[in-house]
Amino acid sequence: MKKEAVGLCRVSSAEQRVDGNSLESQQKHVYDFAKEDLGCDIDRLWSIDVSSKAGKNVKRKDLMEIRQYCKEHKYIKYFIVDKVNRLMREIKMFYWFIQELENIEVQTYFADPQQQDLNKDDPVAQLKTFLAIYEAERDNKERANTTLTRMKDRVLQGYNIFPLHQGYQKTSIKGLHEPDSEHFPLLQTAMQDILTGRATVYEAIKDLQEKGYRTPSNKPLRIDRFREILVDDYYAGFITVKTWDDPKFKKIKGLHKPMITPEEHEKMKEIVAGKKRIFEKKKDNKEFPLGNIGFCECGGKLVGFIHRNGNGWRSPKYRCRACGKQYHAAKIHVSLDEVLGKINFNMASEDVFVDALREIWGEEEGYILEKIRAMKQRQGHFEEDKAMTARKLALNTDVTLENDFKDVLNQIKDQINIIESDIKEAENIEKDLDKFIQFSLKFVDQNMTAWRLLNRISRIKCKQLAFPGEIIVNFSEKVCTPQISPILSLISNKKELGTSPNSHLVEVEGIAPSSKRLET
């Protein structure tokens, strides 16, 4: 018996595998029809598990393979499929594919006993065929609409019914994902490094690669995909379905654990988009204590950077924002230490000194109050989340979800407790002021050269105490300042006190007043 036919068997759901329409049942119909009705045998059979949803058939691999196989093997005369809806459930593509086969002289036949009358070449058979494919497409759309409704309800409850996001893994509850102990902390650290300025986006992804981070497909994370992850609000605790053109499916509070806060997510979007340039890394980097504090002789601010050759060699330098001139950081720091080492403090005017400290602290207090306001706002958001989760728990009728709701509620409570603790600590301004005064008294009394080793905030405060004027680096890479603190001038040259109108500019060895800028 000649092998003059090819066949197709298809299922697209678990129900179809067990309701009498299984692949095995279809195969029997196809083989029997080829042998008994067409007097031939099957040359090749495609037996697949794929959806035939409208819009996807045009790229279905099996259909393209069948057409190409029939083109290359001229002896194929028949294409046999069990039923109309086993070929597909789309009217347009159904007739297009059949016509494509007829163009290469291959006829289509239906093997199921209940649809074999569609194989006749008469108007009645043609009408029945159209009704069969019409019914298949209609059923597909109804099924899709019903499924979509269930999906939307699930999403509104906070479940992620879509593929896993990197850093998460599935749980026993469908749609409820939890942190992946291997990838979640790596991504979270990378995000925090970017948000705090410890790393740029490119430095963060390089660090991930060095730590061995791999995507779920076991490939290195690409920079374009990394950027998508950084701005995805899922990592801030939300679920957004962009393909559903409905505002209520934007930023739904998810049941999963977020990597960052909503406020951090907004900041991250600005950083990735380039709208918010962050300099915290340079500001807080003790390798460049004069970064954004010192000035070039031309008047521009200095920023620190590392000059590299790509082979491990590095040279820390400062660059002027205005003229672009570069300075060797090591030479500037030697000159800075010489200047600081020549300043001698006399604490006889401690009251005046403390008053100056309080004035400086007043500037810092504004920042602290703003920080407290931001934390209280964030606390309010968590309180809203707690109330909403509590309502969901009270209305929940699925006992299998009760523990999950309780876990989410406990996580929110933990976040609220942390914020309350931070607010309490930040509100204790007077206590912090006392600490700052004690630190400053000790600082000026013991070791002025330790100034460049302090963190940025402390450097700025102490710079204001000692150098209300600018710290300038001239073109010879020497450090000087046109003005020192009035407190210092009161004790530096007693003869000049009360007689000189420029007493606040009294010269300290190694530092020149504005009247004559003396280089060290």
Protein backbone atom coordinates (compact mmCIF):
# COMPACT_ATOMS: atom_id res chain seq x y z
CA MET A 1 0.00 0.00 0.00
CA LYS A 2 1.42 3.34 -1.06
CA LYS A 3 2.19 6.02 1.49
CA GLU A 4 0.39 8.89 -0.18
CA ALA A 5 -1.03 10.75 2.83
CA VAL A 6 0.09 12.90 5.72
CA GLY A 7 -1.94 13.40 8.88
CA LEU A 8 -2.40 15.80 11.79
CA CYS A 9 -3.61 15.13 15.34
CA ARG A 10 -3.85 18.01 17.84
CA VAL A 11 -4.95 18.69 21.41
CA SER A 12 -4.74 22.01 23.24
CA SER A 13 -5.96 21.32 26.78
CA ALA A 14 -5.88 18.71 29.52
CA GLU A 15 -9.61 18.13 29.13
CA GLN A 16 -9.20 17.15 25.48
CA ARG A 17 -6.68 14.49 26.45
CA VAL A 18 -9.25 12.59 28.53
CA ASP A 19 -12.65 13.31 26.95
CA GLY A 20 -12.48 10.89 24.08
CA ASN A 21 -10.67 13.32 21.82
CA SER A 22 -7.18 12.24 22.80
CA LEU A 23 -4.24 12.02 20.41
CA GLU A 24 -4.51 8.22 20.41
CA SER A 25 -8.18 8.36 19.43
CA GLN A 26 -7.45 10.84 16.62
CA GLN A 27 -4.55 8.75 15.34
CA LYS A 28 -6.76 5.66 15.04
CA HIS A 29 -9.34 7.60 13.02
CA VAL A 30 -6.66 9.04 10.70
CA TYR A 31 -4.94 5.69 10.03
CA ASP A 32 -8.22 3.83 9.57
CA PHE A 33 -9.58 6.46 7.16
CA ALA A 34 -6.41 6.43 5.05
CA LYS A 35 -6.44 2.66 4.77
CA GLU A 36 -10.16 1.97 4.41
CA ASP A 37 -11.45 5.02 2.51
CA LEU A 38 -8.44 6.24 0.50
CA GLY A 39 -6.60 2.94 0.04
CA CYS A 40 -3.24 4.31 1.12
CA ASP A 41 -1.02 4.55 4.14
CA ILE A 42 0.24 7.49 6.21
CA ASP A 43 3.70 8.65 5.15
CA ARG A 44 4.13 11.07 8.08
CA LEU A 45 1.95 12.05 11.02
CA TRP A 46 2.13 15.28 13.05
CA SER A 47 0.89 14.68 16.59
CA ILE A 48 1.09 17.91 18.58
CA ASP A 49 -0.03 19.73 21.72
CA VAL A 50 -0.61 23.34 20.66
CA SER A 51 -3.30 26.01 20.78
CA SER A 52 -5.07 27.15 17.62
CA LYS A 53 -6.24 30.48 19.01
CA ALA A 54 -7.13 33.06 16.36
CA GLY A 55 -4.09 35.06 15.29
CA LYS A 56 -1.55 32.37 16.15
CA ASN A 57 -2.27 29.93 13.31
CA VAL A 58 -0.43 32.04 10.76
CA LYS A 59 2.85 31.13 12.49
CA ARG A 60 2.04 27.60 13.57
CA LYS A 61 5.10 25.50 13.00
CA ASP A 62 3.20 22.29 12.25
CA LEU A 63 1.12 23.88 9.47
CA MET A 64 4.19 25.37 7.81
CA GLU A 65 6.01 22.02 8.03
CA ILE A 66 3.05 20.12 6.52
CA ARG A 67 2.78 22.50 3.57
CA GLN A 68 6.54 22.40 2.93
CA TYR A 69 6.65 18.60 3.26
CA CYS A 70 3.88 18.23 0.68
CA LYS A 71 5.72 20.58 -1.69
CA GLU A 72 8.94 18.58 -1.47
CA HIS A 73 7.28 15.14 -1.68
CA LYS A 74 5.19 15.17 -4.85
CA TYR A 75 3.74 11.72 -4.19
CA ILE A 76 1.65 13.06 -1.26
CA LYS A 77 -1.97 13.38 -2.42
CA TYR A 78 -3.97 13.59 0.79
CA PHE A 79 -3.91 15.55 4.03
CA ILE A 80 -6.03 13.87 6.74
CA VAL A 81 -7.16 15.45 10.02
CA ASP A 82 -9.64 14.00 12.52
CA LYS A 83 -12.07 16.92 12.80
CA VAL A 84 -12.41 20.50 11.58
CA ASN A 85 -11.60 21.93 15.01
CA ARG A 86 -8.51 19.68 15.25
CA LEU A 87 -7.06 21.52 12.26
CA MET A 88 -7.77 24.94 13.78
CA ARG A 89 -10.49 27.22 15.12
CA GLU A 90 -10.13 30.21 12.80
CA ILE A 91 -12.24 30.65 9.66
CA LYS A 92 -9.83 32.75 7.60
CA MET A 93 -6.76 30.61 8.19
CA PHE A 94 -8.77 27.40 7.79
CA TYR A 95 -9.73 28.15 4.18
CA TRP A 96 -6.33 29.69 3.43
CA PHE A 97 -4.49 26.55 4.48
CA ILE A 98 -6.80 24.20 2.59
CA GLN A 99 -6.37 26.34 -0.53
CA GLU A 100 -2.58 26.34 -0.12
CA LEU A 101 -2.64 22.51 -0.14
CA GLU A 102 -4.96 22.39 -3.15
CA ASN A 103 -2.51 24.61 -5.03
CA ILE A 104 0.04 21.80 -4.77
CA GLU A 105 -2.61 19.14 -5.56
CA VAL A 106 -3.15 17.85 -2.03
CA GLN A 107 -6.76 17.26 -0.93
CA THR A 108 -7.94 17.68 2.67
CA TYR A 109 -10.09 14.98 4.35
CA PHE A 110 -11.74 14.65 7.77
CA ALA A 111 -11.46 11.22 9.38
CA ASP A 112 -13.92 11.37 12.27
CA PRO A 113 -16.99 9.23 11.40
CA GLN A 114 -19.33 12.08 12.35
CA GLN A 115 -17.62 14.52 9.94
CA GLN A 116 -16.80 12.26 6.98
CA ASP A 117 -19.80 13.65 5.09
CA LEU A 118 -17.86 16.96 4.89
CA ASN A 119 -15.52 15.28 2.41
CA LYS A 120 -18.17 15.31 -0.32
CA ASP A 121 -17.85 17.83 -3.14
CA ASP A 122 -21.31 19.40 -3.07
CA PRO A 123 -22.92 22.63 -1.70
CA VAL A 124 -24.38 20.87 1.34
CA ALA A 125 -20.96 19.56 2.41
CA GLN A 126 -19.44 23.00 1.87
CA LEU A 127 -22.13 24.64 4.03
CA LYS A 128 -21.66 22.04 6.79
CA THR A 129 -17.89 22.61 6.68
CA PHE A 130 -18.36 26.34 7.07
CA LEU A 131 -20.78 25.83 9.98
CA ALA A 132 -18.31 23.48 11.65
CA ILE A 133 -15.39 25.94 11.47
CA TYR A 134 -17.72 28.80 12.45
CA GLU A 135 -18.84 26.84 15.52
CA ALA A 136 -15.21 26.06 16.38
CA GLU A 137 -14.17 29.74 16.23
CA ARG A 138 -17.21 30.84 18.25
CA ASP A 139 -16.49 28.26 20.96
CA ASN A 140 -12.87 29.38 21.06
CA LYS A 141 -13.87 33.01 21.60
CA GLU A 142 -16.38 32.11 24.31
CA ARG A 143 -13.83 29.96 26.06
CA ALA A 144 -11.25 32.75 25.81
CA ASN A 145 -13.67 35.31 27.23
CA THR A 146 -14.56 33.04 30.15
CA THR A 147 -10.89 32.33 30.85
CA LEU A 148 -10.02 36.02 30.58
CA THR A 149 -12.71 36.93 33.11
CA ARG A 150 -11.31 34.41 35.59
CA MET A 151 -7.79 35.70 34.96
CA LYS A 152 -8.81 39.30 35.58
CA ASP A 153 -10.54 38.38 38.85
CA ARG A 154 -7.40 36.58 39.99
CA VAL A 155 -5.16 39.53 39.14
CA LEU A 156 -7.41 41.96 41.02
CA GLN A 157 -6.92 39.77 44.10
CA GLY A 158 -3.15 40.35 43.86
CA TYR A 159 -2.03 37.12 42.18
CA ASN A 160 0.47 37.03 39.33
CA ILE A 161 -1.02 34.65 36.75
CA PHE A 162 1.74 35.43 34.26
CA PRO A 163 5.23 33.93 33.89
CA LEU A 164 7.67 34.19 36.79
CA HIS A 165 9.69 37.35 37.24
CA GLN A 166 13.40 36.94 37.78
CA GLY A 167 14.20 36.62 41.48
CA TYR A 168 10.96 34.77 42.29
CA GLN A 169 9.78 31.18 42.33
CA LYS A 170 6.40 29.40 42.35
CA THR A 171 4.62 28.26 45.49
CA SER A 172 1.95 25.61 46.00
CA ILE A 173 -0.66 28.31 45.38
CA LYS A 174 -1.10 29.17 41.70
CA GLY A 175 -0.24 32.80 41.03
CA LEU A 176 1.43 33.39 44.40
CA HIS A 177 5.18 33.71 43.93
CA GLU A 178 7.85 33.98 46.61
CA PRO A 179 11.49 35.17 46.63
CA ASP A 180 14.04 32.83 45.10
CA SER A 181 16.71 32.46 47.78
CA GLU A 182 19.49 32.47 45.16
CA HIS A 183 18.53 35.28 42.78
CA PHE A 184 16.29 37.57 44.88
CA PRO A 185 19.04 38.86 47.22
CA LEU A 186 21.44 39.42 44.31
CA LEU A 187 18.92 41.54 42.38
CA GLN A 188 17.85 43.38 45.52
CA THR A 189 21.45 44.27 46.36
CA ALA A 190 22.02 45.50 42.81
CA MET A 191 18.95 47.74 43.04
CA GLN A 192 20.03 49.18 46.38
CA ASP A 193 23.53 49.85 45.02
CA ILE A 194 22.01 51.86 42.16
CA LEU A 195 19.55 53.72 44.38
CA THR A 196 22.20 54.75 46.91
CA GLY A 197 24.72 55.69 44.25
CA ARG A 198 27.20 52.96 45.13
CA ALA A 199 27.01 51.73 41.54
CA THR A 200 25.76 52.77 38.13
CA VAL A 201 23.45 50.53 36.13
CA TYR A 202 26.41 49.19 34.17
CA GLU A 203 28.50 48.62 37.30
CA ALA A 204 25.58 46.83 38.98
CA ILE A 205 25.07 44.38 36.11
CA LYS A 206 28.81 43.75 35.95
CA ASP A 207 28.77 42.94 39.67
CA LEU A 208 25.85 40.54 39.10
CA GLN A 209 27.77 38.77 36.37
CA GLU A 210 30.85 38.47 38.58
CA LYS A 211 28.69 36.92 41.30
CA GLY A 212 27.51 34.29 38.81
CA TYR A 213 23.97 35.58 38.29
CA ARG A 214 22.16 33.70 35.50
CA THR A 215 18.71 34.12 33.97
CA PRO A 216 16.10 31.34 34.25
CA SER A 217 17.33 30.11 30.83
CA ASN A 218 20.85 29.89 32.31
CA LYS A 219 22.20 32.78 30.26
CA PRO A 220 24.00 35.98 31.33
CA LEU A 221 21.66 38.88 32.08
CA ARG A 222 21.67 41.41 29.22
CA ILE A 223 21.76 45.14 29.94
CA ASP A 224 18.49 45.78 28.07
CA ARG A 225 16.68 43.12 30.10
CA PHE A 226 18.27 44.44 33.30
CA ARG A 227 16.91 47.91 32.58
CA GLU A 228 13.43 46.43 32.09
CA ILE A 229 13.69 44.70 35.47
CA LEU A 230 14.79 47.92 37.19
CA VAL A 231 11.71 49.86 36.03
CA ASP A 232 9.19 47.01 36.37
CA ASP A 233 6.74 47.98 39.13
CA TYR A 234 6.33 44.28 40.01
CA TYR A 235 9.55 44.61 42.02
CA ALA A 236 7.94 47.43 44.01
CA GLY A 237 5.04 45.16 44.99
CA PHE A 238 2.60 45.89 42.15
CA ILE A 239 1.04 43.99 39.26
CA THR A 240 0.39 45.85 36.01
CA VAL A 241 -1.10 44.26 32.90
CA LYS A 242 -0.15 46.54 30.02
CA THR A 243 -2.10 44.54 27.40
CA TRP A 244 -5.37 45.07 29.27
CA ASP A 245 -6.41 48.57 28.36
CA ASP A 246 -8.14 49.31 31.63
CA PRO A 247 -6.86 51.67 34.37
CA LYS A 248 -7.93 49.29 37.14
CA PHE A 249 -5.25 46.83 36.01
CA LYS A 250 -2.48 49.35 36.59
CA LYS A 251 -0.46 49.08 39.79
CA ILE A 252 -2.57 46.49 41.60
CA LYS A 253 -1.13 45.71 45.02
CA GLY A 254 0.35 42.22 44.68
CA LEU A 255 0.58 39.51 47.32
CA HIS A 256 4.26 38.88 46.58
CA LYS A 257 7.16 40.33 48.58
CA PRO A 258 8.61 43.45 46.89
CA MET A 259 12.32 44.08 46.39
CA ILE A 260 12.09 47.86 46.79
CA THR A 261 9.55 50.39 48.05
CA PRO A 262 7.23 52.35 45.73
CA GLU A 263 9.21 55.52 46.49
CA GLU A 264 12.46 53.80 45.55
CA HIS A 265 10.78 52.54 42.37
CA GLU A 266 9.97 56.11 41.30
CA LYS A 267 13.54 57.15 41.95
CA MET A 268 14.81 54.12 40.03
CA LYS A 269 12.75 55.05 36.96
CA GLU A 270 14.33 58.50 36.96
CA ILE A 271 17.82 57.05 37.27
CA VAL A 272 17.35 54.53 34.45
CA ALA A 273 15.72 57.16 32.23
CA GLY A 274 18.65 59.50 32.85
CA LYS A 275 16.42 62.22 34.32
CA LYS A 276 17.99 61.93 37.74
CA ARG A 277 21.77 61.86 37.82
CA ILE A 278 23.06 60.61 41.11
CA PHE A 279 26.41 61.66 42.54
CA GLU A 280 26.08 59.98 45.92
CA LYS A 281 28.84 57.55 45.06
CA LYS A 282 31.33 60.34 44.45
CA LYS A 283 30.04 62.41 47.36
CA ASP A 284 30.33 59.58 49.86
CA ASN A 285 33.55 58.18 48.45
CA LYS A 286 36.32 58.87 50.96
CA GLU A 287 38.80 58.45 48.13
CA PHE A 288 37.68 61.93 46.98
CA PRO A 289 37.05 64.04 50.12
CA LEU A 290 37.03 67.27 48.07
CA GLY A 291 34.49 65.94 45.56
CA ASN A 292 31.78 68.62 45.12
CA ILE A 293 33.32 70.49 48.08
CA GLY A 294 36.60 71.80 46.66
CA PHE A 295 36.95 74.33 43.83
CA CYS A 296 39.32 74.75 40.92
CA GLU A 297 41.19 78.06 40.64
CA CYS A 298 38.91 78.95 37.71
CA GLY A 299 35.88 78.77 40.03
CA GLY A 300 34.44 75.40 38.94
CA LYS A 301 33.63 72.57 41.35
CA LEU A 302 35.86 69.52 41.54
CA VAL A 303 34.55 65.98 41.09
CA GLY A 304 36.46 62.75 41.59
CA PHE A 305 36.89 60.00 39.03
CA ILE A 306 39.10 57.00 38.38
CA HIS A 307 41.25 56.99 35.26
CA ARG A 308 41.68 53.38 34.08
CA ASN A 309 43.43 51.65 31.21
CA GLY A 310 41.31 48.48 31.25
CA ASN A 311 44.15 46.26 32.52
CA GLY A 312 43.80 46.92 36.23
CA TRP A 313 45.76 50.18 36.32
CA ARG A 314 43.93 53.06 38.01
CA SER A 315 44.72 56.67 38.80
CA PRO A 316 42.36 58.65 41.10
CA LYS A 317 41.91 62.19 39.82
CA TYR A 318 39.82 65.30 40.27
CA ARG A 319 38.27 67.08 37.31
CA CYS A 320 36.94 70.64 37.18
CA ARG A 321 33.35 70.84 36.01
CA ALA A 322 33.96 74.24 34.42
CA CYS A 323 37.32 74.13 32.63
CA GLY A 324 37.82 70.36 32.54
CA LYS A 325 41.32 70.48 34.01
CA GLN A 326 42.39 67.28 35.77
CA TYR A 327 44.39 67.02 39.00
CA HIS A 328 46.14 64.06 40.61
CA ALA A 329 44.17 63.23 43.76
CA ALA A 330 47.25 62.00 45.65
CA LYS A 331 49.11 65.32 45.24
CA ILE A 332 46.07 67.34 46.30
CA HIS A 333 45.56 65.19 49.41
CA VAL A 334 49.20 65.68 50.47
CA SER A 335 48.76 69.44 50.13
CA LEU A 336 45.45 69.28 52.01
CA ASP A 337 47.01 67.35 54.89
CA GLU A 338 49.80 69.95 55.13
CA VAL A 339 47.25 72.76 55.39
CA LEU A 340 45.14 70.98 57.99
CA GLY A 341 48.20 69.99 60.02
CA LYS A 342 49.27 73.61 60.47
CA ILE A 343 46.01 74.74 62.12
CA ASN A 344 46.16 75.05 65.92
CA PHE A 345 42.94 75.44 67.89
CA ASN A 346 42.48 77.13 71.23
CA MET A 347 39.24 76.12 72.92
CA ALA A 348 39.10 79.19 75.18
CA SER A 349 36.13 80.45 73.15
CA GLU A 350 34.13 77.26 73.51
CA ASP A 351 30.79 79.09 73.94
CA VAL A 352 31.24 80.90 70.64
CA PHE A 353 32.27 77.63 69.03
CA VAL A 354 29.15 75.83 70.30
CA ASP A 355 26.93 78.66 69.05
CA ALA A 356 28.45 78.21 65.61
CA LEU A 357 27.77 74.49 65.80
CA ARG A 358 24.11 75.12 66.59
CA GLU A 359 23.83 77.43 63.59
CA ILE A 360 25.32 74.78 61.32
CA TRP A 361 23.07 72.12 62.81
CA GLY A 362 20.04 74.24 62.02
CA GLU A 363 20.72 73.73 58.33
CA GLU A 364 20.89 69.98 58.83
CA GLU A 365 17.67 69.95 60.86
CA GLY A 366 15.67 70.99 57.81
CA TYR A 367 16.86 67.86 56.02
CA ILE A 368 15.94 65.67 58.99
CA LEU A 369 12.43 67.12 59.18
CA GLU A 370 11.93 66.48 55.46
CA LYS A 371 13.14 62.92 55.99
CA ILE A 372 10.62 62.46 58.81
CA ARG A 373 7.78 63.71 56.60
CA ALA A 374 8.76 61.24 53.87
CA MET A 375 8.87 58.34 56.34
CA LYS A 376 5.47 59.24 57.78
CA GLN A 377 4.02 59.32 54.28
CA ARG A 378 5.47 55.89 53.61
CA GLN A 379 4.05 54.70 56.94
CA GLY A 380 0.62 55.87 55.81
CA HIS A 381 0.87 53.79 52.62
CA PHE A 382 1.72 50.69 54.63
CA GLU A 383 -1.17 51.36 57.00
CA GLU A 384 -3.50 51.45 53.97
CA ASP A 385 -2.01 48.18 52.72
CA LYS A 386 -2.50 46.63 56.16
CA ALA A 387 -6.15 47.65 56.28
CA MET A 388 -6.81 46.37 52.74
CA THR A 389 -5.08 43.03 53.44
CA ALA A 390 -7.01 42.65 56.68
CA ARG A 391 -10.27 43.19 54.78
CA LYS A 392 -9.27 40.57 52.20
CA LEU A 393 -8.47 38.15 55.00
CA ALA A 394 -11.84 38.77 56.66
CA LEU A 395 -13.72 38.24 53.38
CA ASN A 396 -11.66 35.26 52.26
CA THR A 397 -13.56 31.97 52.01
CA ASP A 398 -10.68 29.86 50.71
CA VAL A 399 -9.04 28.23 53.73
CA THR A 400 -5.95 27.38 51.67
CA LEU A 401 -5.21 31.11 51.30
CA GLU A 402 -5.64 32.06 54.93
CA ASN A 403 -2.00 31.49 55.90
CA ASP A 404 -0.78 33.43 52.87
CA PHE A 405 -2.90 36.44 53.79
CA LYS A 406 -1.59 36.25 57.35
CA ASP A 407 2.02 36.12 56.11
CA VAL A 408 1.49 39.21 53.97
CA LEU A 409 -0.17 40.99 56.88
CA ASN A 410 2.74 40.15 59.18
CA GLN A 411 5.24 41.44 56.60
CA ILE A 412 3.38 44.75 56.37
CA LYS A 413 3.31 45.03 60.18
CA ASP A 414 7.07 44.43 60.28
CA GLN A 415 7.61 47.24 57.78
CA ILE A 416 5.44 49.58 59.85
CA ASN A 417 7.44 48.75 63.00
CA ILE A 418 10.71 49.48 61.21
CA ILE A 419 9.46 52.84 59.94
CA GLU A 420 8.14 53.80 63.39
CA SER A 421 11.56 53.02 64.84
CA ASP A 422 13.30 55.11 62.16
CA ILE A 423 10.93 58.04 62.77
CA LYS A 424 11.55 57.91 66.51
CA GLU A 425 15.29 57.92 65.95
CA ALA A 426 15.13 60.79 63.45
CA GLU A 427 12.87 62.89 65.70
CA ASN A 428 15.44 62.90 68.50
CA ILE A 429 17.16 65.94 66.99
CA GLU A 430 18.41 67.49 70.23
CA LYS A 431 20.13 64.28 71.23
CA ASP A 432 21.81 64.12 67.84
CA LEU A 433 22.87 67.75 68.24
CA ASP A 434 24.56 66.96 71.54
CA LYS A 435 26.43 64.11 69.87
CA PHE A 436 27.48 66.39 67.04
CA ILE A 437 28.79 69.04 69.44
CA GLN A 438 30.80 66.51 71.39
CA PHE A 439 32.17 65.05 68.18
CA SER A 440 33.12 68.50 66.85
CA LEU A 441 34.86 69.56 70.07
CA LYS A 442 36.85 66.36 70.04
CA PHE A 443 37.54 66.74 66.33
CA VAL A 444 39.03 70.24 66.49
CA ASP A 445 40.92 69.43 69.70
CA GLN A 446 42.59 66.24 68.57
CA ASN A 447 43.28 65.69 64.89
CA MET A 448 42.30 68.12 62.16
CA THR A 449 44.00 65.98 59.50
CA ALA A 450 41.35 63.27 60.03
CA TRP A 451 38.88 65.58 58.23
CA ARG A 452 39.25 63.94 54.84
CA LEU A 453 38.62 60.47 56.31
CA LEU A 454 35.16 61.38 57.62
CA ASN A 455 31.92 60.66 55.80
CA ARG A 456 30.58 63.35 53.51
CA ILE A 457 28.02 64.89 55.90
CA SER A 458 30.60 65.23 58.67
CA ARG A 459 33.16 66.66 56.21
CA ILE A 460 30.69 69.35 55.12
CA LYS A 461 29.86 70.28 58.72
CA CYS A 462 33.51 70.51 59.73
CA LYS A 463 34.38 72.39 56.57
CA GLN A 464 31.75 74.97 57.50
CA LEU A 465 33.29 75.25 60.98
CA ALA A 466 36.86 75.77 59.82
CA PHE A 467 36.57 77.11 56.24
CA PRO A 468 33.46 79.22 55.59
CA GLY A 469 35.18 80.30 52.39
CA GLU A 470 36.13 78.03 49.52
CA ILE A 471 38.77 75.30 49.56
CA ILE A 472 40.66 75.98 46.36
CA VAL A 473 43.08 73.87 44.32
CA ASN A 474 45.27 75.98 42.08
CA PHE A 475 46.73 74.94 38.77
CA SER A 476 49.92 73.76 40.55
CA GLU A 477 47.84 71.20 42.51
CA LYS A 478 48.25 73.10 45.81
CA VAL A 479 45.45 73.65 48.34
CA CYS A 480 44.59 77.06 49.80
CA THR A 481 41.60 78.93 51.22
CA PRO A 482 40.75 82.65 51.15
CA GLN A 483 38.96 82.62 54.52
CA ILE A 484 39.02 80.75 57.80
CA SER A 485 36.42 80.61 60.56
CA PRO A 486 36.04 83.73 62.78
CA ILE A 487 36.46 81.41 65.76
CA LEU A 488 39.91 80.50 64.56
CA SER A 489 40.90 84.07 63.81
CA LEU A 490 39.99 85.09 67.37
CA ILE A 491 42.75 82.90 68.71
CA SER A 492 45.29 82.95 65.92
CA ASN A 493 46.75 86.45 66.29
CA LYS A 494 45.71 88.22 69.50
CA LYS A 495 47.43 91.47 68.57
CA GLU A 496 45.17 91.97 65.65
CA LEU A 497 41.92 91.33 67.62
CA GLY A 498 39.76 94.37 68.00
CA THR A 499 41.99 96.51 65.77
CA SER A 500 41.73 95.00 62.37
CA PRO A 501 38.49 95.29 60.37
CA ASN A 502 39.52 92.01 58.73
CA SER A 503 39.94 90.06 61.98
CA HIS A 504 37.90 87.19 60.59
CA LEU A 505 40.55 86.78 57.89
CA VAL A 506 43.54 86.52 60.27
CA GLU A 507 46.24 84.39 58.68
CA VAL A 508 47.00 80.97 60.01
CA GLU A 509 50.34 79.50 59.01
CA GLY A 510 49.95 77.86 55.63
CA ILE A 511 46.58 79.49 54.88
CA ALA A 512 46.15 82.89 53.23
CA PRO A 513 43.31 85.36 53.76
CA SER A 514 41.41 86.74 50.81
CA SER A 515 43.70 89.77 50.73
CA LYS A 516 46.68 87.60 49.80
CA ARG A 517 46.08 84.01 48.76
CA LEU A 518 49.22 82.23 49.97
CA GLU A 519 49.85 78.77 48.57
CA THR A 520 51.20 75.93 50.69
